[in-house]
Amino acid sequence: AEVRYCGLDDAEEQLFNVVSVRTREA
């Protein structure tokens, strides 16, 4: 459904090393 760099907690620096894949089903 969607792929994006993970939105990390504000305390963590986003280094674009975490990728989240949102699937259409569970």
PDB file of all heavy atoms in Angstrom:
ATOM      1  N   ALA A   1       0.830  -1.199   0.000  1.00  0.00           N
ATOM      2  CA  ALA A   1       0.000   0.000   0.000  1.00  0.00           C
ATOM      3  C   ALA A   1       0.868   1.254   0.000  1.00  0.00           C
ATOM      4  O   ALA A   1       0.551   2.234  -0.663  1.00  0.00           O
ATOM      5  CB  ALA A   1      -0.920   0.007   1.221  1.00  0.00           C
ATOM      6  N   GLU A   2       1.999   1.222   0.731  1.00  0.00           N
ATOM      7  CA  GLU A   2       2.862   2.399   0.846  1.00  0.00           C
ATOM      8  C   GLU A   2       4.236   1.967   1.336  1.00  0.00           C
ATOM      9  O   GLU A   2       4.355   1.024   2.113  1.00  0.00           O
ATOM     10  CB  GLU A   2       2.256   3.383   1.856  1.00  0.00           C
ATOM     11  CG  GLU A   2       3.109   4.599   2.123  1.00  0.00           C
ATOM     12  CD  GLU A   2       2.587   5.454   3.271  1.00  0.00           C
ATOM     13  OE1 GLU A   2       2.113   4.903   4.284  1.00  0.00           O
ATOM     14  OE2 GLU A   2       2.677   6.682   3.133  1.00  0.00           O
ATOM     15  N   VAL A   3       5.254   2.678   0.883  1.00  0.00           N
ATOM     16  CA  VAL A   3       6.614   2.474   1.369  1.00  0.00           C
ATOM     17  C   VAL A   3       7.171   3.854   1.686  1.00  0.00           C
ATOM     18  O   VAL A   3       7.028   4.791   0.895  1.00  0.00           O
ATOM     19  CB  VAL A   3       7.517   1.785   0.317  1.00  0.00           C
ATOM     20  CG1 VAL A   3       8.895   1.505   0.889  1.00  0.00           C
ATOM     21  CG2 VAL A   3       6.884   0.495  -0.185  1.00  0.00           C
ATOM     22  N   ARG A   4       7.797   3.982   2.846  1.00  0.00           N
ATOM     23  CA  ARG A   4       8.365   5.281   3.208  1.00  0.00           C
ATOM     24  C   ARG A   4       9.487   5.090   4.213  1.00  0.00           C
ATOM     25  O   ARG A   4       9.600   4.031   4.831  1.00  0.00           O
ATOM     26  CB  ARG A   4       7.302   6.211   3.780  1.00  0.00           C
ATOM     27  CG  ARG A   4       6.695   5.733   5.084  1.00  0.00           C
ATOM     28  CD  ARG A   4       5.598   6.678   5.547  1.00  0.00           C
ATOM     29  NE  ARG A   4       4.995   6.221   6.774  1.00  0.00           N
ATOM     30  CZ  ARG A   4       5.406   6.534   7.994  1.00  0.00           C
ATOM     31  NH1 ARG A   4       6.464   7.292   8.165  1.00  0.00           N
ATOM     32  NH2 ARG A   4       4.776   6.076   9.047  1.00  0.00           N
ATOM     33  N   TYR A   5      10.289   6.134   4.332  1.00  0.00           N
ATOM     34  CA  TYR A   5      11.266   6.114   5.407  1.00  0.00           C
ATOM     35  C   TYR A   5      10.493   6.284   6.697  1.00  0.00           C
ATOM     36  O   TYR A   5       9.536   7.057   6.774  1.00  0.00           O
ATOM     37  CB  TYR A   5      12.304   7.217   5.235  1.00  0.00           C
ATOM     38  CG  TYR A   5      13.288   6.898   4.139  1.00  0.00           C
ATOM     39  CD1 TYR A   5      13.253   7.576   2.931  1.00  0.00           C
ATOM     40  CD2 TYR A   5      14.232   5.897   4.309  1.00  0.00           C
ATOM     41  CE1 TYR A   5      14.140   7.269   1.920  1.00  0.00           C
ATOM     42  CE2 TYR A   5      15.123   5.573   3.299  1.00  0.00           C
ATOM     43  CZ  TYR A   5      15.075   6.268   2.109  1.00  0.00           C
ATOM     44  OH  TYR A   5      15.955   5.958   1.110  1.00  0.00           O
ATOM     45  N   CYS A   6      10.892   5.548   7.696  1.00  0.00           N
ATOM     46  CA  CYS A   6      10.148   5.492   8.943  1.00  0.00           C
ATOM     47  C   CYS A   6      10.185   6.822   9.668  1.00  0.00           C
ATOM     48  O   CYS A   6      11.234   7.451   9.777  1.00  0.00           O
ATOM     49  CB  CYS A   6      10.760   4.406   9.830  1.00  0.00           C
ATOM     50  SG  CYS A   6       9.778   4.054  11.269  1.00  0.00           S
ATOM     51  N   GLY A   7       9.033   7.235  10.158  1.00  0.00           N
ATOM     52  CA  GLY A   7       8.966   8.409  11.015  1.00  0.00           C
ATOM     53  C   GLY A   7       9.389   7.996  12.409  1.00  0.00           C
ATOM     54  O   GLY A   7       8.649   7.312  13.100  1.00  0.00           O
ATOM     55  N   LEU A   8      10.588   8.367  12.788  1.00  0.00           N
ATOM     56  CA  LEU A   8      11.116   7.965  14.084  1.00  0.00           C
ATOM     57  C   LEU A   8      10.726   8.967  15.154  1.00  0.00           C
ATOM     58  O   LEU A   8      10.368  10.111  14.874  1.00  0.00           O
ATOM     59  CB  LEU A   8      12.639   7.838  14.014  1.00  0.00           C
ATOM     60  CG  LEU A   8      13.165   6.793  13.033  1.00  0.00           C
ATOM     61  CD1 LEU A   8      14.677   6.828  12.975  1.00  0.00           C
ATOM     62  CD2 LEU A   8      12.699   5.408  13.442  1.00  0.00           C
ATOM     63  N   ASP A   9      10.821   8.560  16.398  1.00  0.00           N
ATOM     64  CA  ASP A   9      10.600   9.427  17.542  1.00  0.00           C
ATOM     65  C   ASP A   9      11.443  10.690  17.395  1.00  0.00           C
ATOM     66  O   ASP A   9      12.553  10.652  16.862  1.00  0.00           O
ATOM     67  CB  ASP A   9      11.021   8.640  18.801  1.00  0.00           C
ATOM     68  CG  ASP A   9      10.772   9.398  20.071  1.00  0.00           C
ATOM     69  OD1 ASP A   9      11.469  10.406  20.291  1.00  0.00           O
ATOM     70  OD2 ASP A   9       9.897   8.971  20.845  1.00  0.00           O
ATOM     71  N   ASP A  10      10.947  11.806  17.875  1.00  0.00           N
ATOM     72  CA  ASP A  10      11.663  13.078  17.742  1.00  0.00           C
ATOM     73  C   ASP A  10      13.069  13.035  18.321  1.00  0.00           C
ATOM     74  O   ASP A  10      13.943  13.783  17.910  1.00  0.00           O
ATOM     75  CB  ASP A  10      10.875  14.209  18.407  1.00  0.00           C
ATOM     76  CG  ASP A  10       9.615  14.549  17.635  1.00  0.00           C
ATOM     77  OD1 ASP A  10       9.554  14.242  16.423  1.00  0.00           O
ATOM     78  OD2 ASP A  10       8.693  15.111  18.247  1.00  0.00           O
ATOM     79  N   ALA A  11      13.289  12.170  19.295  1.00  0.00           N
ATOM     80  CA  ALA A  11      14.610  12.075  19.918  1.00  0.00           C
ATOM     81  C   ALA A  11      15.619  11.350  19.037  1.00  0.00           C
ATOM     82  O   ALA A  11      16.814  11.441  19.247  1.00  0.00           O
ATOM     83  CB  ALA A  11      14.505  11.369  21.268  1.00  0.00           C
ATOM     84  N   GLU A  12      15.131  10.611  18.043  1.00  0.00           N
ATOM     85  CA  GLU A  12      16.010   9.856  17.159  1.00  0.00           C
ATOM     86  C   GLU A  12      16.234  10.615  15.863  1.00  0.00           C
ATOM     87  O   GLU A  12      15.302  11.158  15.276  1.00  0.00           O
ATOM     88  CB  GLU A  12      15.397   8.493  16.806  1.00  0.00           C
ATOM     89  CG  GLU A  12      15.263   7.555  17.985  1.00  0.00           C
ATOM     90  CD  GLU A  12      14.673   6.228  17.557  1.00  0.00           C
ATOM     91  OE1 GLU A  12      15.463   5.332  17.188  1.00  0.00           O
ATOM     92  OE2 GLU A  12      13.439   6.109  17.571  1.00  0.00           O
ATOM     93  N   GLU A  13      17.487  10.661  15.417  1.00  0.00           N
ATOM     94  CA  GLU A  13      17.813  11.312  14.153  1.00  0.00           C
ATOM     95  C   GLU A  13      17.476  10.371  12.998  1.00  0.00           C
ATOM     96  O   GLU A  13      17.852   9.205  13.020  1.00  0.00           O
ATOM     97  CB  GLU A  13      19.297  11.667  14.125  1.00  0.00           C
ATOM     98  CG  GLU A  13      19.723  12.367  12.865  1.00  0.00           C
ATOM     99  CD  GLU A  13      21.216  12.665  12.839  1.00  0.00           C
ATOM    100  OE1 GLU A  13      21.919  12.345  13.812  1.00  0.00           O
ATOM    101  OE2 GLU A  13      21.666  13.200  11.826  1.00  0.00           O
ATOM    102  N   GLN A  14      16.755  10.870  11.998  1.00  0.00           N
ATOM    103  CA  GLN A  14      16.413  10.051  10.829  1.00  0.00           C
ATOM    104  C   GLN A  14      17.613  10.017   9.897  1.00  0.00           C
ATOM    105  O   GLN A  14      17.997  11.024   9.340  1.00  0.00           O
ATOM    106  CB  GLN A  14      15.192  10.616  10.108  1.00  0.00           C
ATOM    107  CG  GLN A  14      14.856   9.912   8.803  1.00  0.00           C
ATOM    108  CD  GLN A  14      14.634   8.418   8.915  1.00  0.00           C
ATOM    109  OE1 GLN A  14      15.570   7.634   8.883  1.00  0.00           O
ATOM    110  NE2 GLN A  14      13.398   8.013   9.021  1.00  0.00           N
ATOM    111  N   LEU A  15      18.216   8.864   9.770  1.00  0.00           N
ATOM    112  CA  LEU A  15      19.359   8.676   8.881  1.00  0.00           C
ATOM    113  C   LEU A  15      18.954   7.922   7.626  1.00  0.00           C
ATOM    114  O   LEU A  15      19.799   7.469   6.879  1.00  0.00           O
ATOM    115  CB  LEU A  15      20.491   7.943   9.609  1.00  0.00           C
ATOM    116  CG  LEU A  15      21.043   8.670  10.826  1.00  0.00           C
ATOM    117  CD1 LEU A  15      22.089   7.816  11.534  1.00  0.00           C
ATOM    118  CD2 LEU A  15      21.634  10.014  10.442  1.00  0.00           C
ATOM    119  N   PHE A  16      17.658   7.779   7.412  1.00  0.00           N
ATOM    120  CA  PHE A  16      17.144   7.078   6.243  1.00  0.00           C
ATOM    121  C   PHE A  16      17.647   5.647   6.174  1.00  0.00           C
ATOM    122  O   PHE A  16      17.917   5.117   5.116  1.00  0.00           O
ATOM    123  CB  PHE A  16      17.441   7.865   4.965  1.00  0.00           C
ATOM    124  CG  PHE A  16      16.841   9.230   4.996  1.00  0.00           C
ATOM    125  CD1 PHE A  16      17.606  10.346   5.282  1.00  0.00           C
ATOM    126  CD2 PHE A  16      15.486   9.395   4.786  1.00  0.00           C
ATOM    127  CE1 PHE A  16      17.036  11.599   5.346  1.00  0.00           C
ATOM    128  CE2 PHE A  16      14.903  10.648   4.851  1.00  0.00           C
ATOM    129  CZ  PHE A  16      15.684  11.756   5.134  1.00  0.00           C
ATOM    130  N   ASN A  17      17.760   5.026   7.337  1.00  0.00           N
ATOM    131  CA  ASN A  17      18.167   3.632   7.415  1.00  0.00           C
ATOM    132  C   ASN A  17      17.058   2.752   7.972  1.00  0.00           C
ATOM    133  O   ASN A  17      17.295   1.604   8.320  1.00  0.00           O
ATOM    134  CB  ASN A  17      19.431   3.476   8.260  1.00  0.00           C
ATOM    135  CG  ASN A  17      20.660   3.953   7.522  1.00  0.00           C
ATOM    136  OD1 ASN A  17      20.673   4.023   6.302  1.00  0.00           O
ATOM    137  ND2 ASN A  17      21.696   4.296   8.255  1.00  0.00           N
ATOM    138  N   VAL A  18      15.840   3.310   8.089  1.00  0.00           N
ATOM    139  CA  VAL A  18      14.686   2.542   8.537  1.00  0.00           C
ATOM    140  C   VAL A  18      13.583   2.745   7.501  1.00  0.00           C
ATOM    141  O   VAL A  18      13.153   3.873   7.256  1.00  0.00           O
ATOM    142  CB  VAL A  18      14.195   2.994   9.933  1.00  0.00           C
ATOM    143  CG1 VAL A  18      12.983   2.165  10.353  1.00  0.00           C
ATOM    144  CG2 VAL A  18      15.312   2.876  10.964  1.00  0.00           C
ATOM    145  N   VAL A  19      13.150   1.650   6.883  1.00  0.00           N
ATOM    146  CA  VAL A  19      12.107   1.717   5.851  1.00  0.00           C
ATOM    147  C   VAL A  19      10.894   0.933   6.330  1.00  0.00           C
ATOM    148  O   VAL A  19      11.023  -0.211   6.779  1.00  0.00           O
ATOM    149  CB  VAL A  19      12.617   1.137   4.509  1.00  0.00           C
ATOM    150  CG1 VAL A  19      11.496   1.078   3.484  1.00  0.00           C
ATOM    151  CG2 VAL A  19      13.774   1.972   3.985  1.00  0.00           C
ATOM    152  N   SER A  20       9.723   1.561   6.239  1.00  0.00           N
ATOM    153  CA  SER A  20       8.473   0.906   6.623  1.00  0.00           C
ATOM    154  C   SER A  20       7.662   0.588   5.375  1.00  0.00           C
ATOM    155  O   SER A  20       7.480   1.450   4.516  1.00  0.00           O
ATOM    156  CB  SER A  20       7.637   1.821   7.525  1.00  0.00           C
ATOM    157  OG  SER A  20       8.235   1.914   8.794  1.00  0.00           O
ATOM    158  N   VAL A  21       7.184  -0.644   5.316  1.00  0.00           N
ATOM    159  CA  VAL A  21       6.326  -1.082   4.220  1.00  0.00           C
ATOM    160  C   VAL A  21       4.934  -1.300   4.799  1.00  0.00           C
ATOM    161  O   VAL A  21       4.749  -2.122   5.702  1.00  0.00           O
ATOM    162  CB  VAL A  21       6.849  -2.387   3.578  1.00  0.00           C
ATOM    163  CG1 VAL A  21       5.906  -2.862   2.475  1.00  0.00           C
ATOM    164  CG2 VAL A  21       8.270  -2.195   3.051  1.00  0.00           C
ATOM    165  N   ARG A  22       3.970  -0.557   4.311  1.00  0.00           N
ATOM    166  CA  ARG A  22       2.583  -0.699   4.722  1.00  0.00           C
ATOM    167  C   ARG A  22       1.931  -1.645   3.723  1.00  0.00           C
ATOM    168  O   ARG A  22       1.968  -1.417   2.518  1.00  0.00           O
ATOM    169  CB  ARG A  22       1.884   0.660   4.715  1.00  0.00           C
ATOM    170  CG  ARG A  22       0.454   0.653   5.083  1.00  0.00           C
ATOM    171  CD  ARG A  22       0.120   0.429   6.539  1.00  0.00           C
ATOM    172  NE  ARG A  22       0.930   1.217   7.447  1.00  0.00           N
ATOM    173  CZ  ARG A  22       1.242   0.812   8.676  1.00  0.00           C
ATOM    174  NH1 ARG A  22       0.820  -0.347   9.122  1.00  0.00           N
ATOM    175  NH2 ARG A  22       1.964   1.560   9.461  1.00  0.00           N
ATOM    176  N   THR A  23       1.368  -2.748   4.226  1.00  0.00           N
ATOM    177  CA  THR A  23       0.754  -3.753   3.361  1.00  0.00           C
ATOM    178  C   THR A  23      -0.756  -3.519   3.260  1.00  0.00           C
ATOM    179  O   THR A  23      -1.358  -2.876   4.119  1.00  0.00           O
ATOM    180  CB  THR A  23       1.035  -5.169   3.894  1.00  0.00           C
ATOM    181  OG1 THR A  23       0.525  -5.281   5.226  1.00  0.00           O
ATOM    182  CG2 THR A  23       2.532  -5.453   3.894  1.00  0.00           C
ATOM    183  N   ARG A  24      -1.345  -4.034   2.203  1.00  0.00           N
ATOM    184  CA  ARG A  24      -2.789  -3.856   1.982  1.00  0.00           C
ATOM    185  C   ARG A  24      -3.619  -4.708   2.950  1.00  0.00           C
ATOM    186  O   ARG A  24      -4.738  -4.362   3.281  1.00  0.00           O
ATOM    187  CB  ARG A  24      -3.151  -4.217   0.545  1.00  0.00           C
ATOM    188  CG  ARG A  24      -2.534  -3.281  -0.475  1.00  0.00           C
ATOM    189  CD  ARG A  24      -3.092  -3.527  -1.871  1.00  0.00           C
ATOM    190  NE  ARG A  24      -2.334  -2.799  -2.869  1.00  0.00           N
ATOM    191  CZ  ARG A  24      -2.424  -1.493  -3.081  1.00  0.00           C
ATOM    192  NH1 ARG A  24      -3.228  -0.769  -2.352  1.00  0.00           N
ATOM    193  NH2 ARG A  24      -1.686  -0.910  -4.015  1.00  0.00           N
ATOM    194  N   GLU A  25      -3.060  -5.839   3.364  1.00  0.00           N
ATOM    195  CA  GLU A  25      -3.750  -6.734   4.290  1.00  0.00           C
ATOM    196  C   GLU A  25      -2.909  -6.863   5.548  1.00  0.00           C
ATOM    197  O   GLU A  25      -1.755  -6.450   5.586  1.00  0.00           O
ATOM    198  CB  GLU A  25      -3.964  -8.101   3.636  1.00  0.00           C
ATOM    199  CG  GLU A  25      -4.864  -8.041   2.414  1.00  0.00           C
ATOM    200  CD  GLU A  25      -5.103  -9.402   1.791  1.00  0.00           C
ATOM    201  OE1 GLU A  25      -4.728 -10.421   2.398  1.00  0.00           O
ATOM    202  OE2 GLU A  25      -5.671  -9.437   0.687  1.00  0.00           O
ATOM    203  N   ALA A  26      -3.476  -7.463   6.591  1.00  0.00           N
ATOM    204  CA  ALA A  26      -2.753  -7.646   7.854  1.00  0.00           C
ATOM    205  C   ALA A  26      -1.415  -8.340   7.593  1.00  0.00           C
ATOM    206  O   ALA A  26      -1.338  -9.268   6.784  1.00  0.00           O
ATOM    207  CB  ALA A  26      -3.603  -8.451   8.827  1.00  0.00           C
TER     208      ALA A  26
END
